[in-house]
Amino acid sequence: MHVREWTCGTCGAVLDRDINAAVNVAKAAGQAVTARGPQVSGDPPPNSAAKR
C-alpha cells in the first residue's frame, strides 16, 4: 500500500489511491441514501404513529 498514485499506461492519467477511495466512499454513501430515502437518521417518519 506504499504506492499512493500511479499512471495509466494506456491514457497517461495519474490516479491517486486516496482520492479514489474518497470517491468510492462518497458513492457508497449516496447509494445508502438512495436505498433508505432522504431520511437516514433511523428515526421513524413523523406520521408513522398514525399508521399503527
C-alpha atoms as a PDB file:
ATOM      1  CA  MET A   1       0.000   0.000   0.000  1.00  0.00           C
ATOM      2  CA  HIS A   2       3.003   2.265  -0.279  1.00  0.00           C
ATOM      3  CA  VAL A   3       2.052   3.161  -3.879  1.00  0.00           C
ATOM      4  CA  ARG A   4      -0.249   6.155  -3.493  1.00  0.00           C
ATOM      5  CA  GLU A   5      -0.538   7.143  -7.133  1.00  0.00           C
ATOM      6  CA  TRP A   6       0.066   5.524 -10.457  1.00  0.00           C
ATOM      7  CA  THR A   7      -0.036   6.463 -14.115  1.00  0.00           C
ATOM      8  CA  CYS A   8      -2.278   4.599 -16.533  1.00  0.00           C
ATOM      9  CA  GLY A   9      -0.126   3.042 -19.226  1.00  0.00           C
ATOM     10  CA  THR A  10      -2.899   3.437 -21.802  1.00  0.00           C
ATOM     11  CA  CYS A  11      -4.089   7.031 -21.409  1.00  0.00           C
ATOM     12  CA  GLY A  12      -1.421   8.570 -19.157  1.00  0.00           C
ATOM     13  CA  ALA A  13      -3.900   9.616 -16.455  1.00  0.00           C
ATOM     14  CA  VAL A  14      -2.368   9.968 -12.997  1.00  0.00           C
ATOM     15  CA  LEU A  15      -4.607   8.295 -10.417  1.00  0.00           C
ATOM     16  CA  ASP A  16      -4.359   8.840  -6.654  1.00  0.00           C
ATOM     17  CA  ARG A  17      -5.351   5.921  -4.418  1.00  0.00           C
ATOM     18  CA  ASP A  18      -6.601   8.124  -1.579  1.00  0.00           C
ATOM     19  CA  ILE A  19      -8.754  10.301  -3.836  1.00  0.00           C
ATOM     20  CA  ASN A  20     -10.188   7.196  -5.479  1.00  0.00           C
ATOM     21  CA  ALA A  21     -11.034   5.781  -2.043  1.00  0.00           C
ATOM     22  CA  ALA A  22     -12.781   9.030  -1.073  1.00  0.00           C
ATOM     23  CA  VAL A  23     -14.816   8.956  -4.290  1.00  0.00           C
ATOM     24  CA  ASN A  24     -15.826   5.357  -3.601  1.00  0.00           C
ATOM     25  CA  VAL A  25     -16.925   6.215  -0.043  1.00  0.00           C
ATOM     26  CA  ALA A  26     -18.952   9.183  -1.316  1.00  0.00           C
ATOM     27  CA  LYS A  27     -20.646   6.994  -3.930  1.00  0.00           C
ATOM     28  CA  ALA A  28     -21.430   4.330  -1.325  1.00  0.00           C
ATOM     29  CA  ALA A  29     -22.942   6.969   0.968  1.00  0.00           C
ATOM     30  CA  GLY A  30     -25.117   8.179  -1.898  1.00  0.00           C
ATOM     31  CA  GLN A  31     -26.303   4.642  -2.561  1.00  0.00           C
ATOM     32  CA  ALA A  32     -27.225   4.243   1.110  1.00  0.00           C
ATOM     33  CA  VAL A  33     -29.321   7.419   0.956  1.00  0.00           C
ATOM     34  CA  THR A  34     -30.985   6.214  -2.240  1.00  0.00           C
ATOM     35  CA  ALA A  35     -31.817   2.845  -0.677  1.00  0.00           C
ATOM     36  CA  ARG A  36     -33.215   4.336   2.532  1.00  0.00           C
ATOM     37  CA  GLY A  37     -34.620   7.582   1.183  1.00  0.00           C
ATOM     38  CA  PRO A  38     -33.783  11.094   2.296  1.00  0.00           C
ATOM     39  CA  GLN A  39     -34.365  10.299   5.969  1.00  0.00           C
ATOM     40  CA  VAL A  40     -31.316   8.348   7.102  1.00  0.00           C
ATOM     41  CA  SER A  41     -31.376   9.191  10.800  1.00  0.00           C
ATOM     42  CA  GLY A  42     -33.034   5.909  11.729  1.00  0.00           C
ATOM     43  CA  ASP A  43     -35.944   7.736  13.357  1.00  0.00           C
ATOM     44  CA  PRO A  44     -39.388   6.761  12.077  1.00  0.00           C
ATOM     45  CA  PRO A  45     -41.188   9.258   9.839  1.00  0.00           C
ATOM     46  CA  PRO A  46     -43.190  11.836  11.811  1.00  0.00           C
ATOM     47  CA  ASN A  47     -46.579  10.423  10.753  1.00  0.00           C
ATOM     48  CA  SER A  48     -45.710   6.744  11.290  1.00  0.00           C
ATOM     49  CA  ALA A  49     -47.599   6.635  14.625  1.00  0.00           C
ATOM     50  CA  ALA A  50     -50.853   7.318  12.793  1.00  0.00           C
ATOM     51  CA  LYS A  51     -50.365   4.181  10.698  1.00  0.00           C
ATOM     52  CA  ARG A  52     -50.309   1.819  13.699  1.00  0.00           C
END
